Amino acid sequence: MARRINIKVKKGEMLDDTNVKKVKALLEQDKPITKKAACQMLNIAYNVKRLASIITAYEEKIETRKRLFASNRGKAWGDIDTRQLVMSYLKGSSISDLSASLFRSVGAIKKKLVICGVPLRKAEAGYFNPELLPDDCAKEYYDEGELVWSSRYCCVVEVGKLFQTHEHHGNVYGIWVYGKHNQSGYQPWYELGELPILKQIGLKADDFKLDLYDF
């Protein structure tokens, strides 16, 4: 088996997949750019051998991704992948990021989240426009320490003490928001949704505390 090329990226070099793909295409067109120009686009020192290694490493990465996506197509989800999917999504990972890291199609990621009972984020939903949760998802009374979905923050939150019973909004709870927010807040019961899948796969508050997103 051929040894996989490992490229060490130096500070300032632009070796992300998108840029390398662009440079590769320009080198392969009918009237290709010069190798010197290609190095400049990647912001690397002029080195034909290293340029070739960067392109080859990119090609190997793409082929590996294709192979892994193909091997996972139609394959049942294992416990480890399911746990990683649910935990990462509830912390704030996007569908596209999860697709890339788990080597599953966007459609497969969405389907599995729905099966797990995890609400899918909608582009128009957010803090000032929380999504209306299904009746079978929301409940009026929550236990302190319960992990639930927040339609306002679009991620997992931990329920705190009952803050007040509002005349119009009913029970309002103190919450702790995990993921990219990592802050406290308050939400009425109808903006919080149960996540039974967390107990099924053994996810607890500590799982969300130990690896907070670094934005």
C-alpha atoms as a PDB file:
ATOM      1  CA  MET A   1       0.000   0.000   0.000  1.00  0.00           C
ATOM      2  CA  ALA A   2       1.349   3.407  -0.981  1.00  0.00           C
ATOM      3  CA  ARG A   3       2.300   5.696   1.856  1.00  0.00           C
ATOM      4  CA  ARG A   4      -0.207   8.496   2.371  1.00  0.00           C
ATOM      5  CA  ILE A   5       1.173  11.991   1.804  1.00  0.00           C
ATOM      6  CA  ASN A   6       1.045  14.224   4.853  1.00  0.00           C
ATOM      7  CA  ILE A   7       1.218  17.944   4.176  1.00  0.00           C
ATOM      8  CA  LYS A   8       2.269  20.241   7.015  1.00  0.00           C
ATOM      9  CA  VAL A   9       0.538  23.578   6.609  1.00  0.00           C
ATOM     10  CA  LYS A  10       2.612  26.620   7.456  1.00  0.00           C
ATOM     11  CA  LYS A  11       1.169  29.832   8.820  1.00  0.00           C
ATOM     12  CA  GLY A  12      -0.473  31.920   6.115  1.00  0.00           C
ATOM     13  CA  GLU A  13      -0.665  29.126   3.537  1.00  0.00           C
ATOM     14  CA  MET A  14      -4.041  28.741   1.836  1.00  0.00           C
ATOM     15  CA  LEU A  15      -4.320  24.974   1.543  1.00  0.00           C
ATOM     16  CA  ASP A  16      -8.021  24.534   2.258  1.00  0.00           C
ATOM     17  CA  ASP A  17      -9.832  22.089  -0.016  1.00  0.00           C
ATOM     18  CA  THR A  18     -11.701  24.801  -1.903  1.00  0.00           C
ATOM     19  CA  ASN A  19      -8.544  26.687  -2.855  1.00  0.00           C
ATOM     20  CA  VAL A  20      -6.525  23.588  -3.731  1.00  0.00           C
ATOM     21  CA  LYS A  21      -9.414  22.353  -5.898  1.00  0.00           C
ATOM     22  CA  LYS A  22      -9.462  25.694  -7.704  1.00  0.00           C
ATOM     23  CA  VAL A  23      -5.698  25.651  -8.309  1.00  0.00           C
ATOM     24  CA  LYS A  24      -5.833  22.036  -9.494  1.00  0.00           C
ATOM     25  CA  ALA A  25      -8.535  22.926 -12.039  1.00  0.00           C
ATOM     26  CA  LEU A  26      -6.504  25.878 -13.318  1.00  0.00           C
ATOM     27  CA  LEU A  27      -3.432  23.670 -13.725  1.00  0.00           C
ATOM     28  CA  GLU A  28      -5.432  21.125 -15.732  1.00  0.00           C
ATOM     29  CA  GLN A  29      -7.241  23.488 -18.100  1.00  0.00           C
ATOM     30  CA  ASP A  30      -6.317  23.750 -21.799  1.00  0.00           C
ATOM     31  CA  LYS A  31      -4.170  26.799 -21.124  1.00  0.00           C
ATOM     32  CA  PRO A  32      -2.916  26.067 -17.607  1.00  0.00           C
ATOM     33  CA  ILE A  33      -1.563  28.649 -15.233  1.00  0.00           C
ATOM     34  CA  THR A  34       2.139  28.447 -14.436  1.00  0.00           C
ATOM     35  CA  LYS A  35       3.321  26.494 -11.435  1.00  0.00           C
ATOM     36  CA  LYS A  36       4.679  29.729 -10.039  1.00  0.00           C
ATOM     37  CA  ALA A  37       1.210  31.292 -10.257  1.00  0.00           C
ATOM     38  CA  ALA A  38      -0.265  28.178  -8.638  1.00  0.00           C
ATOM     39  CA  CYS A  39       2.154  28.524  -5.708  1.00  0.00           C
ATOM     40  CA  GLN A  40       1.217  32.174  -5.354  1.00  0.00           C
ATOM     41  CA  MET A  41      -2.486  31.283  -5.232  1.00  0.00           C
ATOM     42  CA  LEU A  42      -1.762  28.790  -2.450  1.00  0.00           C
ATOM     43  CA  ASN A  43       0.456  31.374  -0.749  1.00  0.00           C
ATOM     44  CA  ILE A  44       3.381  28.937  -0.578  1.00  0.00           C
ATOM     45  CA  ALA A  45       7.025  29.391  -1.508  1.00  0.00           C
ATOM     46  CA  TYR A  46       7.775  28.461  -5.113  1.00  0.00           C
ATOM     47  CA  ASN A  47       8.505  24.744  -4.928  1.00  0.00           C
ATOM     48  CA  VAL A  48       7.339  22.510  -7.772  1.00  0.00           C
ATOM     49  CA  LYS A  49       7.830  19.303  -5.792  1.00  0.00           C
ATOM     50  CA  ARG A  50       5.792  20.543  -2.806  1.00  0.00           C
ATOM     51  CA  LEU A  51       3.090  21.862  -5.126  1.00  0.00           C
ATOM     52  CA  ALA A  52       2.782  18.393  -6.686  1.00  0.00           C
ATOM     53  CA  SER A  53       2.587  16.820  -3.212  1.00  0.00           C
ATOM     54  CA  ILE A  54      -0.192  19.214  -2.168  1.00  0.00           C
ATOM     55  CA  ILE A  55      -2.234  18.359  -5.270  1.00  0.00           C
ATOM     56  CA  THR A  56      -1.650  14.620  -4.792  1.00  0.00           C
ATOM     57  CA  ALA A  57      -2.618  14.791  -1.112  1.00  0.00           C
ATOM     58  CA  TYR A  58      -5.832  16.574  -2.064  1.00  0.00           C
ATOM     59  CA  GLU A  59      -6.641  13.917  -4.687  1.00  0.00           C
ATOM     60  CA  GLU A  60      -6.020  11.156  -2.138  1.00  0.00           C
ATOM     61  CA  LYS A  61      -8.316  12.867   0.356  1.00  0.00           C
ATOM     62  CA  ILE A  62     -11.119  13.150  -2.207  1.00  0.00           C
ATOM     63  CA  GLU A  63     -10.740   9.494  -3.212  1.00  0.00           C
ATOM     64  CA  THR A  64     -10.807   8.411   0.437  1.00  0.00           C
ATOM     65  CA  ARG A  65     -13.963  10.436   1.025  1.00  0.00           C
ATOM     66  CA  LYS A  66     -15.634   8.884  -2.012  1.00  0.00           C
ATOM     67  CA  ARG A  67     -14.706   5.405  -0.815  1.00  0.00           C
ATOM     68  CA  LEU A  68     -16.002   6.006   2.714  1.00  0.00           C
ATOM     69  CA  PHE A  69     -19.221   7.590   1.483  1.00  0.00           C
ATOM     70  CA  ALA A  70     -19.749   4.603  -0.827  1.00  0.00           C
ATOM     71  CA  SER A  71     -19.097   2.093   1.974  1.00  0.00           C
ATOM     72  CA  ASN A  72     -21.591   3.865   4.269  1.00  0.00           C
ATOM     73  CA  ARG A  73     -24.346   4.144   1.653  1.00  0.00           C
ATOM     74  CA  GLY A  74     -27.287   2.128   2.935  1.00  0.00           C
ATOM     75  CA  LYS A  75     -25.275   0.904   5.928  1.00  0.00           C
ATOM     76  CA  ALA A  76     -27.043   0.713   9.295  1.00  0.00           C
ATOM     77  CA  TRP A  77     -26.014   3.271  11.898  1.00  0.00           C
ATOM     78  CA  GLY A  78     -23.870   1.965  14.740  1.00  0.00           C
ATOM     79  CA  ASP A  79     -24.178   3.139  18.325  1.00  0.00           C
ATOM     80  CA  ILE A  80     -20.968   5.184  18.209  1.00  0.00           C
ATOM     81  CA  ASP A  81     -21.902   7.063  15.021  1.00  0.00           C
ATOM     82  CA  THR A  82     -25.433   7.676  16.301  1.00  0.00           C
ATOM     83  CA  ARG A  83     -24.082   9.078  19.545  1.00  0.00           C
ATOM     84  CA  GLN A  84     -21.611  11.318  17.701  1.00  0.00           C
ATOM     85  CA  LEU A  85     -24.304  12.522  15.307  1.00  0.00           C
ATOM     86  CA  VAL A  86     -26.802  13.459  18.008  1.00  0.00           C
ATOM     87  CA  MET A  87     -24.274  15.033  20.357  1.00  0.00           C
ATOM     88  CA  SER A  88     -22.571  17.099  17.650  1.00  0.00           C
ATOM     89  CA  TYR A  89     -25.827  18.307  16.132  1.00  0.00           C
ATOM     90  CA  LEU A  90     -27.253  19.319  19.498  1.00  0.00           C
ATOM     91  CA  LYS A  91     -24.095  21.293  20.218  1.00  0.00           C
ATOM     92  CA  GLY A  92     -24.510  23.249  17.010  1.00  0.00           C
ATOM     93  CA  SER A  93     -22.801  21.366  14.166  1.00  0.00           C
ATOM     94  CA  SER A  94     -24.387  21.917  10.766  1.00  0.00           C
ATOM     95  CA  ILE A  95     -25.841  19.146   8.621  1.00  0.00           C
ATOM     96  CA  SER A  96     -23.124  19.692   5.996  1.00  0.00           C
ATOM     97  CA  ASP A  97     -20.323  19.467   8.582  1.00  0.00           C
ATOM     98  CA  LEU A  98     -21.790  16.242   9.958  1.00  0.00           C
ATOM     99  CA  SER A  99     -22.096  14.832   6.461  1.00  0.00           C
ATOM    100  CA  ALA A 100     -18.395  15.491   5.862  1.00  0.00           C
ATOM    101  CA  SER A 101     -17.202  14.109   9.203  1.00  0.00           C
ATOM    102  CA  LEU A 102     -19.422  10.994   9.294  1.00  0.00           C
ATOM    103  CA  PHE A 103     -19.203  10.239   5.561  1.00  0.00           C
ATOM    104  CA  ARG A 104     -22.955  10.100   5.118  1.00  0.00           C
ATOM    105  CA  SER A 105     -25.103  11.998   2.656  1.00  0.00           C
ATOM    106  CA  VAL A 106     -26.995  15.089   3.797  1.00  0.00           C
ATOM    107  CA  GLY A 107     -30.231  13.160   3.238  1.00  0.00           C
ATOM    108  CA  ALA A 108     -29.040  10.274   5.423  1.00  0.00           C
ATOM    109  CA  ILE A 109     -28.024  12.690   8.205  1.00  0.00           C
ATOM    110  CA  LYS A 110     -31.433  14.390   8.183  1.00  0.00           C
ATOM    111  CA  LYS A 111     -33.305  11.093   8.087  1.00  0.00           C
ATOM    112  CA  LYS A 112     -31.376   9.707  11.066  1.00  0.00           C
ATOM    113  CA  LEU A 113     -31.929  12.866  13.135  1.00  0.00           C
ATOM    114  CA  VAL A 114     -35.667  12.673  12.454  1.00  0.00           C
ATOM    115  CA  ILE A 115     -35.706   8.984  13.449  1.00  0.00           C
ATOM    116  CA  CYS A 116     -33.907   9.948  16.673  1.00  0.00           C
ATOM    117  CA  GLY A 117     -36.565  12.556  17.398  1.00  0.00           C
ATOM    118  CA  VAL A 118     -34.184  15.503  17.103  1.00  0.00           C
ATOM    119  CA  PRO A 119     -35.818  18.644  15.624  1.00  0.00           C
ATOM    120  CA  LEU A 120     -34.160  19.861  12.425  1.00  0.00           C
ATOM    121  CA  ARG A 121     -33.063  23.489  12.376  1.00  0.00           C
ATOM    122  CA  LYS A 122     -34.794  25.684   9.843  1.00  0.00           C
ATOM    123  CA  ALA A 123     -32.948  28.537   8.171  1.00  0.00           C
ATOM    124  CA  GLU A 124     -35.578  31.056   9.194  1.00  0.00           C
ATOM    125  CA  ALA A 125     -35.692  29.923  12.838  1.00  0.00           C
ATOM    126  CA  GLY A 126     -33.616  31.607  15.506  1.00  0.00           C
ATOM    127  CA  TYR A 127     -33.595  33.649  18.687  1.00  0.00           C
ATOM    128  CA  PHE A 128     -36.098  36.233  17.457  1.00  0.00           C
ATOM    129  CA  ASN A 129     -38.124  33.728  15.462  1.00  0.00           C
ATOM    130  CA  PRO A 130     -38.286  30.462  17.440  1.00  0.00           C
ATOM    131  CA  GLU A 131     -39.850  27.524  15.656  1.00  0.00           C
ATOM    132  CA  LEU A 132     -43.212  26.250  16.869  1.00  0.00           C
ATOM    133  CA  LEU A 133     -42.602  22.772  18.269  1.00  0.00           C
ATOM    134  CA  PRO A 134     -45.013  19.845  17.739  1.00  0.00           C
ATOM    135  CA  ASP A 135     -47.477  19.175  20.568  1.00  0.00           C
ATOM    136  CA  ASP A 136     -45.949  15.760  21.259  1.00  0.00           C
ATOM    137  CA  CYS A 137     -42.516  17.334  21.690  1.00  0.00           C
ATOM    138  CA  ALA A 138     -43.245  20.126  24.175  1.00  0.00           C
ATOM    139  CA  LYS A 139     -44.556  19.693  27.699  1.00  0.00           C
ATOM    140  CA  GLU A 140     -45.511  22.236  30.348  1.00  0.00           C
ATOM    141  CA  TYR A 141     -43.543  20.776  33.266  1.00  0.00           C
ATOM    142  CA  TYR A 142     -39.817  19.966  33.188  1.00  0.00           C
ATOM    143  CA  ASP A 143     -37.517  18.602  35.847  1.00  0.00           C
ATOM    144  CA  GLU A 144     -34.486  20.578  36.931  1.00  0.00           C
ATOM    145  CA  GLY A 145     -31.418  19.192  35.155  1.00  0.00           C
ATOM    146  CA  GLU A 146     -33.382  17.812  32.192  1.00  0.00           C
ATOM    147  CA  LEU A 147     -31.728  18.208  28.779  1.00  0.00           C
ATOM    148  CA  VAL A 148     -34.114  19.508  26.136  1.00  0.00           C
ATOM    149  CA  TRP A 149     -34.203  21.153  22.709  1.00  0.00           C
ATOM    150  CA  SER A 150     -34.474  24.933  22.575  1.00  0.00           C
ATOM    151  CA  SER A 151     -36.348  26.316  19.588  1.00  0.00           C
ATOM    152  CA  ARG A 152     -34.917  29.764  20.360  1.00  0.00           C
ATOM    153  CA  TYR A 153     -31.252  28.735  20.429  1.00  0.00           C
ATOM    154  CA  CYS A 154     -31.638  25.716  18.110  1.00  0.00           C
ATOM    155  CA  CYS A 155     -29.471  23.473  20.282  1.00  0.00           C
ATOM    156  CA  VAL A 156     -29.541  21.533  23.554  1.00  0.00           C
ATOM    157  CA  VAL A 157     -30.148  23.334  26.860  1.00  0.00           C
ATOM    158  CA  GLU A 158     -30.293  22.209  30.477  1.00  0.00           C
ATOM    159  CA  VAL A 159     -33.444  23.126  32.385  1.00  0.00           C
ATOM    160  CA  GLY A 160     -32.878  24.991  35.634  1.00  0.00           C
ATOM    161  CA  LYS A 161     -35.376  26.065  38.267  1.00  0.00           C
ATOM    162  CA  LEU A 162     -38.879  27.240  37.439  1.00  0.00           C
ATOM    163  CA  PHE A 163     -38.433  31.015  37.162  1.00  0.00           C
ATOM    164  CA  GLN A 164     -42.073  32.043  37.156  1.00  0.00           C
ATOM    165  CA  THR A 165     -45.551  31.077  36.041  1.00  0.00           C
ATOM    166  CA  HIS A 166     -46.426  33.886  33.688  1.00  0.00           C
ATOM    167  CA  GLU A 167     -50.000  35.031  33.137  1.00  0.00           C
ATOM    168  CA  HIS A 168     -49.757  34.619  29.365  1.00  0.00           C
ATOM    169  CA  HIS A 169     -46.725  32.361  28.797  1.00  0.00           C
ATOM    170  CA  GLY A 170     -47.248  29.816  31.563  1.00  0.00           C
ATOM    171  CA  ASN A 171     -44.185  28.155  33.080  1.00  0.00           C
ATOM    172  CA  VAL A 172     -40.941  29.994  32.334  1.00  0.00           C
ATOM    173  CA  TYR A 173     -37.719  28.157  33.139  1.00  0.00           C
ATOM    174  CA  GLY A 174     -34.165  29.225  33.741  1.00  0.00           C
ATOM    175  CA  ILE A 175     -31.907  27.394  31.279  1.00  0.00           C
ATOM    176  CA  TRP A 176     -28.232  26.845  30.516  1.00  0.00           C
ATOM    177  CA  VAL A 177     -27.440  26.869  26.793  1.00  0.00           C
ATOM    178  CA  TYR A 178     -24.642  24.593  25.597  1.00  0.00           C
ATOM    179  CA  GLY A 179     -22.789  24.597  22.282  1.00  0.00           C
ATOM    180  CA  LYS A 180     -21.648  27.870  20.744  1.00  0.00           C
ATOM    181  CA  HIS A 181     -23.767  29.979  23.116  1.00  0.00           C
ATOM    182  CA  ASN A 182     -22.578  28.641  26.487  1.00  0.00           C
ATOM    183  CA  GLN A 183     -24.744  31.013  28.500  1.00  0.00           C
ATOM    184  CA  SER A 184     -27.765  31.210  30.770  1.00  0.00           C
ATOM    185  CA  GLY A 185     -31.223  32.362  29.751  1.00  0.00           C
ATOM    186  CA  TYR A 186     -34.972  31.996  30.259  1.00  0.00           C
ATOM    187  CA  GLN A 187     -37.592  30.299  28.090  1.00  0.00           C
ATOM    188  CA  PRO A 188     -41.291  29.466  28.319  1.00  0.00           C
ATOM    189  CA  TRP A 189     -42.207  25.781  28.278  1.00  0.00           C
ATOM    190  CA  TYR A 190     -43.620  25.845  24.723  1.00  0.00           C
ATOM    191  CA  GLU A 191     -40.192  26.768  23.300  1.00  0.00           C
ATOM    192  CA  LEU A 192     -38.602  23.682  24.877  1.00  0.00           C
ATOM    193  CA  GLY A 193     -38.889  20.149  23.534  1.00  0.00           C
ATOM    194  CA  GLU A 194     -38.237  16.704  25.001  1.00  0.00           C
ATOM    195  CA  LEU A 195     -35.290  14.663  23.706  1.00  0.00           C
ATOM    196  CA  PRO A 196     -35.907  11.015  24.772  1.00  0.00           C
ATOM    197  CA  ILE A 197     -33.028   9.908  22.511  1.00  0.00           C
ATOM    198  CA  LEU A 198     -30.519  11.291  25.017  1.00  0.00           C
ATOM    199  CA  LYS A 199     -31.476   8.715  27.645  1.00  0.00           C
ATOM    200  CA  GLN A 200     -31.611   5.973  25.024  1.00  0.00           C
ATOM    201  CA  ILE A 201     -28.006   6.511  23.946  1.00  0.00           C
ATOM    202  CA  GLY A 202     -26.712   7.547  27.366  1.00  0.00           C
ATOM    203  CA  LEU A 203     -25.924  11.223  26.818  1.00  0.00           C
ATOM    204  CA  LYS A 204     -25.813  13.404  29.918  1.00  0.00           C
ATOM    205  CA  ALA A 205     -25.078  17.033  30.735  1.00  0.00           C
ATOM    206  CA  ASP A 206     -21.377  16.277  31.239  1.00  0.00           C
ATOM    207  CA  ASP A 207     -21.122  15.118  27.627  1.00  0.00           C
ATOM    208  CA  PHE A 208     -22.043  18.606  26.527  1.00  0.00           C
ATOM    209  CA  LYS A 209     -19.904  20.380  29.119  1.00  0.00           C
ATOM    210  CA  LEU A 210     -16.611  18.656  28.386  1.00  0.00           C
ATOM    211  CA  ASP A 211     -16.189  19.544  24.725  1.00  0.00           C
ATOM    212  CA  LEU A 212     -17.776  22.934  24.176  1.00  0.00           C
ATOM    213  CA  TYR A 213     -17.395  24.481  20.734  1.00  0.00           C
ATOM    214  CA  ASP A 214     -14.528  26.895  20.306  1.00  0.00           C
ATOM    215  CA  PHE A 215     -15.932  29.632  18.101  1.00  0.00           C
END
